[in-house]
Amino acid sequence: MILRQLDEGQTGAQVARNVGVARKTVRAIARRYQAEGLESAIHEKPRPGKARALDIGQNQRVIAMVCSPPPEGQARWSVRLIATEAVKRKLVPPVSRETIRLLLQNHDLKPWREKNVVRGGSES
């Protein structure tokens, strides 16, 4: 849409307002189109950065563990307990508590509040 509107003669500010992006974004896309062609303007290059600590399968295994009862001698799951127990059970490589905290936050889980954790119960 950005390239089409620019081709129709609209200014960068008009295009930004019409599409709902910043003028800087419009300029960047136009610059990429001029320098590298259409494919580069449409698809961004991969951004540098650290790979995710856990893959989808590991995330699911940790969530399943949290939805089960805590280990013997523990009343509830804590972020620290989840991190150590997941490594001990070989569900994940060593991870920080922050990684576990973000995983729980993204899935809206609060295992320290027992009522917010889904538990499989026996049907009567």
PDB file of N, CA and C in Angstrom:
ATOM      1  N   MET A   1       0.826  -1.180   0.000  1.00  0.00           N
ATOM      2  CA  MET A   1       0.000   0.000   0.000  1.00  0.00           C
ATOM      3  C   MET A   1       0.877   1.253   0.000  1.00  0.00           C
ATOM      4  N   ILE A   2       1.956   1.203   0.774  1.00  0.00           N
ATOM      5  CA  ILE A   2       2.841   2.364   0.867  1.00  0.00           C
ATOM      6  C   ILE A   2       3.442   2.676  -0.482  1.00  0.00           C
ATOM      7  N   LEU A   3       3.988   1.671  -1.146  1.00  0.00           N
ATOM      8  CA  LEU A   3       4.621   1.894  -2.438  1.00  0.00           C
ATOM      9  C   LEU A   3       3.604   2.352  -3.480  1.00  0.00           C
ATOM     10  N   ARG A   4       2.421   1.777  -3.453  1.00  0.00           N
ATOM     11  CA  ARG A   4       1.378   2.159  -4.418  1.00  0.00           C
ATOM     12  C   ARG A   4       0.998   3.622  -4.229  1.00  0.00           C
ATOM     13  N   GLN A   5       0.810   4.039  -2.977  1.00  0.00           N
ATOM     14  CA  GLN A   5       0.416   5.423  -2.722  1.00  0.00           C
ATOM     15  C   GLN A   5       1.535   6.390  -3.075  1.00  0.00           C
ATOM     16  N   LEU A   6       2.765   6.022  -2.816  1.00  0.00           N
ATOM     17  CA  LEU A   6       3.891   6.875  -3.213  1.00  0.00           C
ATOM     18  C   LEU A   6       3.960   6.994  -4.734  1.00  0.00           C
ATOM     19  N   ASP A   7       3.692   5.890  -5.435  1.00  0.00           N
ATOM     20  CA  ASP A   7       3.699   5.896  -6.893  1.00  0.00           C
ATOM     21  C   ASP A   7       2.593   6.794  -7.453  1.00  0.00           C
ATOM     22  N   GLU A   8       1.489   6.899  -6.706  1.00  0.00           N
ATOM     23  CA  GLU A   8       0.377   7.758  -7.143  1.00  0.00           C
ATOM     24  C   GLU A   8       0.667   9.230  -6.882  1.00  0.00           C
ATOM     25  N   GLY A   9       1.814   9.534  -6.268  1.00  0.00           N
ATOM     26  CA  GLY A   9       2.212  10.911  -6.076  1.00  0.00           C
ATOM     27  C   GLY A   9       1.921  11.503  -4.712  1.00  0.00           C
ATOM     28  N   GLN A  10       1.470  10.696  -3.770  1.00  0.00           N
ATOM     29  CA  GLN A  10       1.203  11.207  -2.428  1.00  0.00           C
ATOM     30  C   GLN A  10       2.527  11.433  -1.696  1.00  0.00           C
ATOM     31  N   THR A  11       2.520  12.358  -0.764  1.00  0.00           N
ATOM     32  CA  THR A  11       3.724  12.629   0.019  1.00  0.00           C
ATOM     33  C   THR A  11       3.895  11.557   1.086  1.00  0.00           C
ATOM     34  N   GLY A  12       5.092  11.507   1.655  1.00  0.00           N
ATOM     35  CA  GLY A  12       5.362  10.545   2.722  1.00  0.00           C
ATOM     36  C   GLY A  12       4.457  10.754   3.922  1.00  0.00           C
ATOM     37  N   ALA A  13       4.179  12.018   4.254  1.00  0.00           N
ATOM     38  CA  ALA A  13       3.304  12.315   5.387  1.00  0.00           C
ATOM     39  C   ALA A  13       1.874  11.840   5.126  1.00  0.00           C
ATOM     40  N   GLN A  14       1.391  12.042   3.897  1.00  0.00           N
ATOM     41  CA  GLN A  14       0.036  11.586   3.560  1.00  0.00           C
ATOM     42  C   GLN A  14      -0.055  10.065   3.623  1.00  0.00           C
ATOM     43  N   VAL A  15       0.942   9.404   3.066  1.00  0.00           N
ATOM     44  CA  VAL A  15       0.946   7.938   3.066  1.00  0.00           C
ATOM     45  C   VAL A  15       0.989   7.421   4.502  1.00  0.00           C
ATOM     46  N   ALA A  16       1.844   8.016   5.319  1.00  0.00           N
ATOM     47  CA  ALA A  16       1.959   7.582   6.714  1.00  0.00           C
ATOM     48  C   ALA A  16       0.621   7.714   7.418  1.00  0.00           C
ATOM     49  N   ARG A  17      -0.064   8.818   7.185  1.00  0.00           N
ATOM     50  CA  ARG A  17      -1.373   9.047   7.816  1.00  0.00           C
ATOM     51  C   ARG A  17      -2.403   8.036   7.292  1.00  0.00           C
ATOM     52  N   ASN A  18      -2.407   7.793   5.988  1.00  0.00           N
ATOM     53  CA  ASN A  18      -3.382   6.864   5.375  1.00  0.00           C
ATOM     54  C   ASN A  18      -3.183   5.427   5.846  1.00  0.00           C
ATOM     55  N   VAL A  19      -1.928   5.018   5.931  1.00  0.00           N
ATOM     56  CA  VAL A  19      -1.623   3.622   6.259  1.00  0.00           C
ATOM     57  C   VAL A  19      -1.568   3.401   7.765  1.00  0.00           C
ATOM     58  N   GLY A  20      -1.287   4.464   8.517  1.00  0.00           N
ATOM     59  CA  GLY A  20      -1.227   4.331   9.964  1.00  0.00           C
ATOM     60  C   GLY A  20       0.145   3.930  10.474  1.00  0.00           C
ATOM     61  N   VAL A  21       1.183   4.426   9.803  1.00  0.00           N
ATOM     62  CA  VAL A  21       2.554   4.163  10.244  1.00  0.00           C
ATOM     63  C   VAL A  21       3.282   5.496  10.386  1.00  0.00           C
ATOM     64  N   ALA A  22       4.485   5.447  10.914  1.00  0.00           N
ATOM     65  CA  ALA A  22       5.295   6.652  11.054  1.00  0.00           C
ATOM     66  C   ALA A  22       5.900   7.036   9.706  1.00  0.00           C
ATOM     67  N   ARG A  23       6.182   8.327   9.532  1.00  0.00           N
ATOM     68  CA  ARG A  23       6.816   8.785   8.290  1.00  0.00           C
ATOM     69  C   ARG A  23       8.170   8.108   8.093  1.00  0.00           C
ATOM     70  N   LYS A  24       8.835   7.823   9.191  1.00  0.00           N
ATOM     71  CA  LYS A  24      10.132   7.149   9.120  1.00  0.00           C
ATOM     72  C   LYS A  24       9.991   5.775   8.462  1.00  0.00           C
ATOM     73  N   THR A  25       8.912   5.086   8.751  1.00  0.00           N
ATOM     74  CA  THR A  25       8.658   3.770   8.148  1.00  0.00           C
ATOM     75  C   THR A  25       8.448   3.907   6.649  1.00  0.00           C
ATOM     76  N   VAL A  26       7.687   4.906   6.243  1.00  0.00           N
ATOM     77  CA  VAL A  26       7.449   5.146   4.818  1.00  0.00           C
ATOM     78  C   VAL A  26       8.776   5.422   4.113  1.00  0.00           C
ATOM     79  N   ARG A  27       9.610   6.276   4.705  1.00  0.00           N
ATOM     80  CA  ARG A  27      10.912   6.596   4.105  1.00  0.00           C
ATOM     81  C   ARG A  27      11.788   5.353   4.008  1.00  0.00           C
ATOM     82  N   ALA A  28      11.785   4.532   5.046  1.00  0.00           N
ATOM     83  CA  ALA A  28      12.628   3.330   5.051  1.00  0.00           C
ATOM     84  C   ALA A  28      12.204   2.362   3.954  1.00  0.00           C
ATOM     85  N   ILE A  29      10.913   2.169   3.788  1.00  0.00           N
ATOM     86  CA  ILE A  29      10.413   1.248   2.757  1.00  0.00           C
ATOM     87  C   ILE A  29      10.727   1.798   1.372  1.00  0.00           C
ATOM     88  N   ALA A  30      10.529   3.093   1.173  1.00  0.00           N
ATOM     89  CA  ALA A  30      10.831   3.707  -0.124  1.00  0.00           C
ATOM     90  C   ALA A  30      12.322   3.593  -0.435  1.00  0.00           C
ATOM     91  N   ARG A  31      13.151   3.812   0.565  1.00  0.00           N
ATOM     92  CA  ARG A  31      14.605   3.715   0.384  1.00  0.00           C
ATOM     93  C   ARG A  31      15.014   2.288   0.034  1.00  0.00           C
ATOM     94  N   ARG A  32      14.439   1.305   0.743  1.00  0.00           N
ATOM     95  CA  ARG A  32      14.764  -0.099   0.436  1.00  0.00           C
ATOM     96  C   ARG A  32      14.319  -0.463  -0.977  1.00  0.00           C
ATOM     97  N   TYR A  33      13.170   0.049  -1.392  1.00  0.00           N
ATOM     98  CA  TYR A  33      12.664  -0.238  -2.738  1.00  0.00           C
ATOM     99  C   TYR A  33      13.620   0.325  -3.789  1.00  0.00           C
ATOM    100  N   GLN A  34      14.071   1.558  -3.601  1.00  0.00           N
ATOM    101  CA  GLN A  34      14.969   2.179  -4.567  1.00  0.00           C
ATOM    102  C   GLN A  34      16.322   1.480  -4.595  1.00  0.00           C
ATOM    103  N   ALA A  35      16.821   1.096  -3.456  1.00  0.00           N
ATOM    104  CA  ALA A  35      18.160   0.515  -3.396  1.00  0.00           C
ATOM    105  C   ALA A  35      18.195  -0.962  -3.765  1.00  0.00           C
ATOM    106  N   GLU A  36      17.190  -1.729  -3.350  1.00  0.00           N
ATOM    107  CA  GLU A  36      17.284  -3.184  -3.478  1.00  0.00           C
ATOM    108  C   GLU A  36      16.120  -3.835  -4.215  1.00  0.00           C
ATOM    109  N   GLY A  37      15.090  -3.092  -4.557  1.00  0.00           N
ATOM    110  CA  GLY A  37      13.994  -3.652  -5.327  1.00  0.00           C
ATOM    111  C   GLY A  37      12.777  -3.993  -4.478  1.00  0.00           C
ATOM    112  N   LEU A  38      11.770  -4.510  -5.164  1.00  0.00           N
ATOM    113  CA  LEU A  38      10.466  -4.764  -4.552  1.00  0.00           C
ATOM    114  C   LEU A  38      10.528  -5.801  -3.427  1.00  0.00           C
ATOM    115  N   GLU A  39      11.209  -6.902  -3.660  1.00  0.00           N
ATOM    116  CA  GLU A  39      11.257  -7.981  -2.664  1.00  0.00           C
ATOM    117  C   GLU A  39      11.820  -7.489  -1.335  1.00  0.00           C
ATOM    118  N   SER A  40      12.856  -6.686  -1.405  1.00  0.00           N
ATOM    119  CA  SER A  40      13.472  -6.152  -0.191  1.00  0.00           C
ATOM    120  C   SER A  40      12.558  -5.159   0.517  1.00  0.00           C
ATOM    121  N   ALA A  41      11.778  -4.408  -0.258  1.00  0.00           N
ATOM    122  CA  ALA A  41      10.868  -3.433   0.351  1.00  0.00           C
ATOM    123  C   ALA A  41       9.703  -4.126   1.049  1.00  0.00           C
ATOM    124  N   ILE A  42       9.276  -5.246   0.508  1.00  0.00           N
ATOM    125  CA  ILE A  42       8.114  -5.957   1.077  1.00  0.00           C
ATOM    126  C   ILE A  42       8.506  -6.789   2.296  1.00  0.00           C
ATOM    127  N   HIS A  43       9.651  -7.448   2.233  1.00  0.00           N
ATOM    128  CA  HIS A  43      10.075  -8.341   3.313  1.00  0.00           C
ATOM    129  C   HIS A  43      11.326  -7.793   3.985  1.00  0.00           C
ATOM    130  N   GLU A  44      11.260  -7.614   5.294  1.00  0.00           N
ATOM    131  CA  GLU A  44      12.430  -7.143   6.033  1.00  0.00           C
ATOM    132  C   GLU A  44      13.442  -8.266   6.169  1.00  0.00           C
ATOM    133  N   LYS A  45      14.698  -7.869   6.287  1.00  0.00           N
ATOM    134  CA  LYS A  45      15.757  -8.845   6.532  1.00  0.00           C
ATOM    135  C   LYS A  45      15.657  -9.313   7.976  1.00  0.00           C
ATOM    136  N   PRO A  46      16.149 -10.512   8.270  1.00  0.00           N
ATOM    137  CA  PRO A  46      16.136 -10.973   9.662  1.00  0.00           C
ATOM    138  C   PRO A  46      16.934 -10.021  10.540  1.00  0.00           C
ATOM    139  N   ARG A  47      16.423  -9.774  11.705  1.00  0.00           N
ATOM    140  CA  ARG A  47      17.094  -8.869  12.632  1.00  0.00           C
ATOM    141  C   ARG A  47      18.054  -9.648  13.518  1.00  0.00           C
ATOM    142  N   PRO A  48      19.164  -9.019  13.858  1.00  0.00           N
ATOM    143  CA  PRO A  48      20.106  -9.706  14.738  1.00  0.00           C
ATOM    144  C   PRO A  48      19.535  -9.791  16.149  1.00  0.00           C
ATOM    145  N   GLY A  49      20.018 -10.716  16.869  1.00  0.00           N
ATOM    146  CA  GLY A  49      19.558 -10.846  18.249  1.00  0.00           C
ATOM    147  C   GLY A  49      19.749 -12.259  18.744  1.00  0.00           C
ATOM    148  N   LYS A  50      19.601 -12.387  20.016  1.00  0.00           N
ATOM    149  CA  LYS A  50      19.775 -13.682  20.648  1.00  0.00           C
ATOM    150  C   LYS A  50      18.579 -14.577  20.335  1.00  0.00           C
ATOM    151  N   ALA A  51      18.851 -15.844  20.109  1.00  0.00           N
ATOM    152  CA  ALA A  51      17.785 -16.815  19.857  1.00  0.00           C
ATOM    153  C   ALA A  51      16.971 -17.022  21.136  1.00  0.00           C
ATOM    154  N   ARG A  52      15.739 -17.437  20.974  1.00  0.00           N
ATOM    155  CA  ARG A  52      14.878 -17.686  22.131  1.00  0.00           C
ATOM    156  C   ARG A  52      15.472 -18.791  23.000  1.00  0.00           C
ATOM    157  N   ALA A  53      15.303 -18.645  24.303  1.00  0.00           N
ATOM    158  CA  ALA A  53      15.867 -19.621  25.240  1.00  0.00           C
ATOM    159  C   ALA A  53      15.124 -20.956  25.173  1.00  0.00           C
ATOM    160  N   LEU A  54      13.811 -20.906  24.932  1.00  0.00           N
ATOM    161  CA  LEU A  54      12.993 -22.121  24.904  1.00  0.00           C
ATOM    162  C   LEU A  54      12.225 -22.191  23.591  1.00  0.00           C
ATOM    163  N   ASP A  55      12.133 -23.385  23.024  1.00  0.00           N
ATOM    164  CA  ASP A  55      11.300 -23.545  21.832  1.00  0.00           C
ATOM    165  C   ASP A  55       9.862 -23.842  22.245  1.00  0.00           C
ATOM    166  N   ILE A  56       8.981 -23.997  21.295  1.00  0.00           N
ATOM    167  CA  ILE A  56       7.553 -24.180  21.585  1.00  0.00           C
ATOM    168  C   ILE A  56       7.307 -25.449  22.399  1.00  0.00           C
ATOM    169  N   GLY A  57       7.988 -26.531  22.044  1.00  0.00           N
ATOM    170  CA  GLY A  57       7.812 -27.790  22.778  1.00  0.00           C
ATOM    171  C   GLY A  57       8.254 -27.671  24.229  1.00  0.00           C
ATOM    172  N   GLN A  58       9.366 -26.998  24.452  1.00  0.00           N
ATOM    173  CA  GLN A  58       9.848 -26.802  25.821  1.00  0.00           C
ATOM    174  C   GLN A  58       8.871 -25.929  26.606  1.00  0.00           C
ATOM    175  N   ASN A  59       8.350 -24.881  25.962  1.00  0.00           N
ATOM    176  CA  ASN A  59       7.346 -24.037  26.619  1.00  0.00           C
ATOM    177  C   ASN A  59       6.151 -24.879  27.064  1.00  0.00           C
ATOM    178  N   GLN A  60       5.679 -25.734  26.181  1.00  0.00           N
ATOM    179  CA  GLN A  60       4.507 -26.554  26.491  1.00  0.00           C
ATOM    180  C   GLN A  60       4.787 -27.530  27.632  1.00  0.00           C
ATOM    181  N   ARG A  61       5.985 -28.098  27.653  1.00  0.00           N
ATOM    182  CA  ARG A  61       6.317 -29.035  28.729  1.00  0.00           C
ATOM    183  C   ARG A  61       6.381 -28.326  30.080  1.00  0.00           C
ATOM    184  N   VAL A  62       6.926 -27.112  30.102  1.00  0.00           N
ATOM    185  CA  VAL A  62       6.978 -26.356  31.362  1.00  0.00           C
ATOM    186  C   VAL A  62       5.563 -26.001  31.816  1.00  0.00           C
ATOM    187  N   ILE A  63       4.725 -25.576  30.902  1.00  0.00           N
ATOM    188  CA  ILE A  63       3.339 -25.226  31.252  1.00  0.00           C
ATOM    189  C   ILE A  63       2.599 -26.452  31.781  1.00  0.00           C
ATOM    190  N   ALA A  64       2.801 -27.607  31.147  1.00  0.00           N
ATOM    191  CA  ALA A  64       2.164 -28.831  31.637  1.00  0.00           C
ATOM    192  C   ALA A  64       2.651 -29.173  33.038  1.00  0.00           C
ATOM    193  N   MET A  65       3.933 -28.981  33.284  1.00  0.00           N
ATOM    194  CA  MET A  65       4.476 -29.259  34.611  1.00  0.00           C
ATOM    195  C   MET A  65       3.845 -28.330  35.648  1.00  0.00           C
ATOM    196  N   VAL A  66       3.694 -27.053  35.306  1.00  0.00           N
ATOM    197  CA  VAL A  66       3.129 -26.072  36.233  1.00  0.00           C
ATOM    198  C   VAL A  66       1.660 -26.372  36.526  1.00  0.00           C
ATOM    199  N   CYS A  67       0.970 -26.961  35.564  1.00  0.00           N
ATOM    200  CA  CYS A  67      -0.441 -27.288  35.766  1.00  0.00           C
ATOM    201  C   CYS A  67      -0.632 -28.574  36.569  1.00  0.00           C
ATOM    202  N   SER A  68       0.452 -29.243  36.895  1.00  0.00           N
ATOM    203  CA  SER A  68       0.375 -30.437  37.736  1.00  0.00           C
ATOM    204  C   SER A  68       0.678 -30.033  39.183  1.00  0.00           C
ATOM    205  N   PRO A  69       0.436 -30.923  40.130  1.00  0.00           N
ATOM    206  CA  PRO A  69       0.737 -30.578  41.532  1.00  0.00           C
ATOM    207  C   PRO A  69       2.224 -30.289  41.730  1.00  0.00           C
ATOM    208  N   PRO A  70       2.557 -29.409  42.670  1.00  0.00           N
ATOM    209  CA  PRO A  70       3.970 -29.110  42.932  1.00  0.00           C
ATOM    210  C   PRO A  70       4.677 -30.327  43.529  1.00  0.00           C
ATOM    211  N   PRO A  71       5.991 -30.325  43.528  1.00  0.00           N
ATOM    212  CA  PRO A  71       6.742 -31.465  44.074  1.00  0.00           C
ATOM    213  C   PRO A  71       6.404 -31.707  45.547  1.00  0.00           C
ATOM    214  N   GLU A  72       6.690 -32.907  45.978  1.00  0.00           N
ATOM    215  CA  GLU A  72       6.466 -33.296  47.368  1.00  0.00           C
ATOM    216  C   GLU A  72       7.150 -32.306  48.298  1.00  0.00           C
ATOM    217  N   GLY A  73       6.435 -31.861  49.309  1.00  0.00           N
ATOM    218  CA  GLY A  73       6.993 -30.937  50.292  1.00  0.00           C
ATOM    219  C   GLY A  73       6.811 -29.471  49.927  1.00  0.00           C
ATOM    220  N   GLN A  74       6.230 -29.184  48.771  1.00  0.00           N
ATOM    221  CA  GLN A  74       5.997 -27.809  48.350  1.00  0.00           C
ATOM    222  C   GLN A  74       4.496 -27.552  48.283  1.00  0.00           C
ATOM    223  N   ALA A  75       4.065 -26.423  48.813  1.00  0.00           N
ATOM    224  CA  ALA A  75       2.646 -26.089  48.803  1.00  0.00           C
ATOM    225  C   ALA A  75       2.211 -25.560  47.443  1.00  0.00           C
ATOM    226  N   ARG A  76       3.074 -24.767  46.796  1.00  0.00           N
ATOM    227  CA  ARG A  76       2.744 -24.145  45.521  1.00  0.00           C
ATOM    228  C   ARG A  76       3.996 -24.050  44.670  1.00  0.00           C
ATOM    229  N   TRP A  77       3.766 -23.797  43.377  1.00  0.00           N
ATOM    230  CA  TRP A  77       4.870 -23.527  42.476  1.00  0.00           C
ATOM    231  C   TRP A  77       5.309 -22.081  42.642  1.00  0.00           C
ATOM    232  N   SER A  78       6.603 -21.835  42.650  1.00  0.00           N
ATOM    233  CA  SER A  78       7.154 -20.484  42.577  1.00  0.00           C
ATOM    234  C   SER A  78       7.970 -20.417  41.297  1.00  0.00           C
ATOM    235  N   VAL A  79       8.294 -19.231  40.860  1.00  0.00           N
ATOM    236  CA  VAL A  79       9.092 -19.091  39.640  1.00  0.00           C
ATOM    237  C   VAL A  79      10.443 -19.786  39.815  1.00  0.00           C
ATOM    238  N   ARG A  80      11.053 -19.608  40.960  1.00  0.00           N
ATOM    239  CA  ARG A  80      12.348 -20.244  41.239  1.00  0.00           C
ATOM    240  C   ARG A  80      12.208 -21.769  41.220  1.00  0.00           C
ATOM    241  N   LEU A  81      11.156 -22.291  41.840  1.00  0.00           N
ATOM    242  CA  LEU A  81      10.934 -23.742  41.876  1.00  0.00           C
ATOM    243  C   LEU A  81      10.684 -24.286  40.472  1.00  0.00           C
ATOM    244  N   ILE A  82       9.924 -23.568  39.675  1.00  0.00           N
ATOM    245  CA  ILE A  82       9.649 -24.006  38.296  1.00  0.00           C
ATOM    246  C   ILE A  82      10.948 -24.097  37.509  1.00  0.00           C
ATOM    247  N   ALA A  83      11.790 -23.074  37.625  1.00  0.00           N
ATOM    248  CA  ALA A  83      13.053 -23.058  36.879  1.00  0.00           C
ATOM    249  C   ALA A  83      13.942 -24.230  37.285  1.00  0.00           C
ATOM    250  N   THR A  84      14.094 -24.460  38.569  1.00  0.00           N
ATOM    251  CA  THR A  84      14.974 -25.548  39.014  1.00  0.00           C
ATOM    252  C   THR A  84      14.378 -26.917  38.702  1.00  0.00           C
ATOM    253  N   GLU A  85      13.078 -27.051  38.890  1.00  0.00           N
ATOM    254  CA  GLU A  85      12.425 -28.353  38.653  1.00  0.00           C
ATOM    255  C   GLU A  85      12.407 -28.706  37.158  1.00  0.00           C
ATOM    256  N   ALA A  86      12.216 -27.727  36.292  1.00  0.00           N
ATOM    257  CA  ALA A  86      12.211 -27.986  34.850  1.00  0.00           C
ATOM    258  C   ALA A  86      13.583 -28.466  34.381  1.00  0.00           C
ATOM    259  N   VAL A  87      14.633 -27.896  34.931  1.00  0.00           N
ATOM    260  CA  VAL A  87      15.990 -28.334  34.586  1.00  0.00           C
ATOM    261  C   VAL A  87      16.250 -29.719  35.170  1.00  0.00           C
ATOM    262  N   LYS A  88      15.820 -29.921  36.424  1.00  0.00           N
ATOM    263  CA  LYS A  88      16.027 -31.216  37.081  1.00  0.00           C
ATOM    264  C   LYS A  88      15.317 -32.340  36.325  1.00  0.00           C
ATOM    265  N   ARG A  89      14.114 -32.058  35.810  1.00  0.00           N
ATOM    266  CA  ARG A  89      13.354 -33.064  35.052  1.00  0.00           C
ATOM    267  C   ARG A  89      13.810 -33.149  33.596  1.00  0.00           C
ATOM    268  N   LYS A  90      14.805 -32.368  33.232  1.00  0.00           N
ATOM    269  CA  LYS A  90      15.367 -32.340  31.879  1.00  0.00           C
ATOM    270  C   LYS A  90      14.326 -31.950  30.827  1.00  0.00           C
ATOM    271  N   LEU A  91      13.436 -31.042  31.206  1.00  0.00           N
ATOM    272  CA  LEU A  91      12.467 -30.515  30.255  1.00  0.00           C
ATOM    273  C   LEU A  91      13.071 -29.387  29.431  1.00  0.00           C
ATOM    274  N   VAL A  92      14.013 -28.676  30.035  1.00  0.00           N
ATOM    275  CA  VAL A  92      14.633 -27.522  29.381  1.00  0.00           C
ATOM    276  C   VAL A  92      16.109 -27.462  29.754  1.00  0.00           C
ATOM    277  N   PRO A  93      16.902 -26.739  28.957  1.00  0.00           N
ATOM    278  CA  PRO A  93      18.281 -26.493  29.382  1.00  0.00           C
ATOM    279  C   PRO A  93      18.262 -25.490  30.534  1.00  0.00           C
ATOM    280  N   PRO A  94      19.369 -25.286  31.210  1.00  0.00           N
ATOM    281  CA  PRO A  94      19.366 -24.292  32.299  1.00  0.00           C
ATOM    282  C   PRO A  94      18.865 -22.929  31.801  1.00  0.00           C
ATOM    283  N   VAL A  95      17.843 -22.416  32.484  1.00  0.00           N
ATOM    284  CA  VAL A  95      17.244 -21.136  32.110  1.00  0.00           C
ATOM    285  C   VAL A  95      17.153 -20.254  33.341  1.00  0.00           C
ATOM    286  N   SER A  96      17.009 -18.972  33.096  1.00  0.00           N
ATOM    287  CA  SER A  96      16.900 -18.030  34.209  1.00  0.00           C
ATOM    288  C   SER A  96      15.457 -17.984  34.715  1.00  0.00           C
ATOM    289  N   ARG A  97      15.300 -17.458  35.901  1.00  0.00           N
ATOM    290  CA  ARG A  97      13.954 -17.277  36.452  1.00  0.00           C
ATOM    291  C   ARG A  97      13.169 -16.294  35.592  1.00  0.00           C
ATOM    292  N   GLU A  98      13.859 -15.321  35.015  1.00  0.00           N
ATOM    293  CA  GLU A  98      13.181 -14.333  34.178  1.00  0.00           C
ATOM    294  C   GLU A  98      12.560 -14.986  32.949  1.00  0.00           C
ATOM    295  N   THR A  99      13.229 -15.957  32.348  1.00  0.00           N
ATOM    296  CA  THR A  99      12.668 -16.683  31.208  1.00  0.00           C
ATOM    297  C   THR A  99      11.379 -17.377  31.614  1.00  0.00           C
ATOM    298  N   ILE A 100      11.385 -18.015  32.774  1.00  0.00           N
ATOM    299  CA  ILE A 100      10.196 -18.702  33.269  1.00  0.00           C
ATOM    300  C   ILE A 100       9.104 -17.681  33.603  1.00  0.00           C
ATOM    301  N   ARG A 101       9.471 -16.578  34.213  1.00  0.00           N
ATOM    302  CA  ARG A 101       8.493 -15.548  34.565  1.00  0.00           C
ATOM    303  C   ARG A 101       7.782 -15.019  33.308  1.00  0.00           C
ATOM    304  N   LEU A 102       8.549 -14.761  32.258  1.00  0.00           N
ATOM    305  CA  LEU A 102       7.960 -14.268  31.015  1.00  0.00           C
ATOM    306  C   LEU A 102       7.067 -15.317  30.363  1.00  0.00           C
ATOM    307  N   LEU A 103       7.479 -16.566  30.416  1.00  0.00           N
ATOM    308  CA  LEU A 103       6.649 -17.652  29.881  1.00  0.00           C
ATOM    309  C   LEU A 103       5.306 -17.700  30.604  1.00  0.00           C
ATOM    310  N   LEU A 104       5.338 -17.649  31.922  1.00  0.00           N
ATOM    311  CA  LEU A 104       4.095 -17.673  32.705  1.00  0.00           C
ATOM    312  C   LEU A 104       3.248 -16.442  32.412  1.00  0.00           C
ATOM    313  N   GLN A 105       3.888 -15.295  32.303  1.00  0.00           N
ATOM    314  CA  GLN A 105       3.159 -14.056  32.036  1.00  0.00           C
ATOM    315  C   GLN A 105       2.480 -14.110  30.665  1.00  0.00           C
ATOM    316  N   ASN A 106       3.174 -14.626  29.666  1.00  0.00           N
ATOM    317  CA  ASN A 106       2.606 -14.701  28.321  1.00  0.00           C
ATOM    318  C   ASN A 106       1.418 -15.652  28.242  1.00  0.00           C
ATOM    319  N   HIS A 107       1.352 -16.613  29.143  1.00  0.00           N
ATOM    320  CA  HIS A 107       0.237 -17.558  29.161  1.00  0.00           C
ATOM    321  C   HIS A 107      -0.746 -17.253  30.291  1.00  0.00           C
ATOM    322  N   ASP A 108      -0.569 -16.112  30.926  1.00  0.00           N
ATOM    323  CA  ASP A 108      -1.450 -15.662  32.004  1.00  0.00           C
ATOM    324  C   ASP A 108      -1.607 -16.732  33.089  1.00  0.00           C
ATOM    325  N   LEU A 109      -0.495 -17.349  33.467  1.00  0.00           N
ATOM    326  CA  LEU A 109      -0.498 -18.354  34.532  1.00  0.00           C
ATOM    327  C   LEU A 109       0.097 -17.753  35.796  1.00  0.00           C
ATOM    328  N   LYS A 110      -0.537 -18.046  36.909  1.00  0.00           N
ATOM    329  CA  LYS A 110      -0.045 -17.588  38.212  1.00  0.00           C
ATOM    330  C   LYS A 110      -0.118 -18.772  39.173  1.00  0.00           C
ATOM    331  N   PRO A 111       0.859 -19.676  39.073  1.00  0.00           N
ATOM    332  CA  PRO A 111       0.770 -20.912  39.848  1.00  0.00           C
ATOM    333  C   PRO A 111       0.854 -20.704  41.353  1.00  0.00           C
ATOM    334  N   TRP A 112       1.348 -19.577  41.792  1.00  0.00           N
ATOM    335  CA  TRP A 112       1.395 -19.312  43.234  1.00  0.00           C
ATOM    336  C   TRP A 112       0.005 -18.993  43.754  1.00  0.00           C
ATOM    337  N   ARG A 113      -0.933 -18.723  42.848  1.00  0.00           N
ATOM    338  CA  ARG A 113      -2.347 -18.578  43.195  1.00  0.00           C
ATOM    339  C   ARG A 113      -3.031 -19.835  42.690  1.00  0.00           C
ATOM    340  N   GLU A 114      -3.240 -20.756  43.547  1.00  0.00           N
ATOM    341  CA  GLU A 114      -3.704 -22.080  43.144  1.00  0.00           C
ATOM    342  C   GLU A 114      -4.963 -22.038  42.293  1.00  0.00           C
ATOM    343  N   LYS A 115      -5.859 -21.095  42.526  1.00  0.00           N
ATOM    344  CA  LYS A 115      -7.122 -21.080  41.800  1.00  0.00           C
ATOM    345  C   LYS A 115      -6.951 -20.710  40.335  1.00  0.00           C
ATOM    346  N   ASN A 116      -5.784 -20.121  39.925  1.00  0.00           N
ATOM    347  CA  ASN A 116      -5.572 -19.725  38.548  1.00  0.00           C
ATOM    348  C   ASN A 116      -4.911 -20.813  37.712  1.00  0.00           C
ATOM    349  N   VAL A 117      -4.560 -21.925  38.293  1.00  0.00           N
ATOM    350  CA  VAL A 117      -3.900 -22.993  37.568  1.00  0.00           C
ATOM    351  C   VAL A 117      -4.919 -24.064  37.246  1.00  0.00           C
ATOM    352  N   VAL A 118      -4.910 -24.511  36.003  1.00  0.00           N
ATOM    353  CA  VAL A 118      -5.836 -25.557  35.572  1.00  0.00           C
ATOM    354  C   VAL A 118      -5.294 -26.885  36.078  1.00  0.00           C
ATOM    355  N   ARG A 119      -6.123 -27.643  36.746  1.00  0.00           N
ATOM    356  CA  ARG A 119      -5.716 -28.960  37.234  1.00  0.00           C
ATOM    357  C   ARG A 119      -6.722 -29.992  36.763  1.00  0.00           C
ATOM    358  N   GLY A 120      -6.221 -31.093  36.330  1.00  0.00           N
ATOM    359  CA  GLY A 120      -7.098 -32.186  35.938  1.00  0.00           C
ATOM    360  C   GLY A 120      -7.728 -32.801  37.173  1.00  0.00           C
ATOM    361  N   GLY A 121      -9.015 -32.873  37.196  1.00  0.00           N
ATOM    362  CA  GLY A 121      -9.698 -33.429  38.352  1.00  0.00           C
ATOM    363  C   GLY A 121     -10.459 -34.679  37.975  1.00  0.00           C
ATOM    364  N   SER A 122     -10.830 -35.436  38.971  1.00  0.00           N
ATOM    365  CA  SER A 122     -11.616 -36.629  38.696  1.00  0.00           C
ATOM    366  C   SER A 122     -13.090 -36.229  38.644  1.00  0.00           C
ATOM    367  N   GLU A 123     -13.754 -36.784  37.634  1.00  0.00           N
ATOM    368  CA  GLU A 123     -15.174 -36.478  37.494  1.00  0.00           C
ATOM    369  C   GLU A 123     -15.982 -37.378  38.399  1.00  0.00           C
ATOM    370  N   SER A 124     -16.950 -36.786  39.059  1.00  0.00           N
ATOM    371  CA  SER A 124     -17.765 -37.578  39.979  1.00  0.00           C
ATOM    372  C   SER A 124     -19.069 -37.969  39.367  1.00  0.00           C
TER     373      SER A 124
END
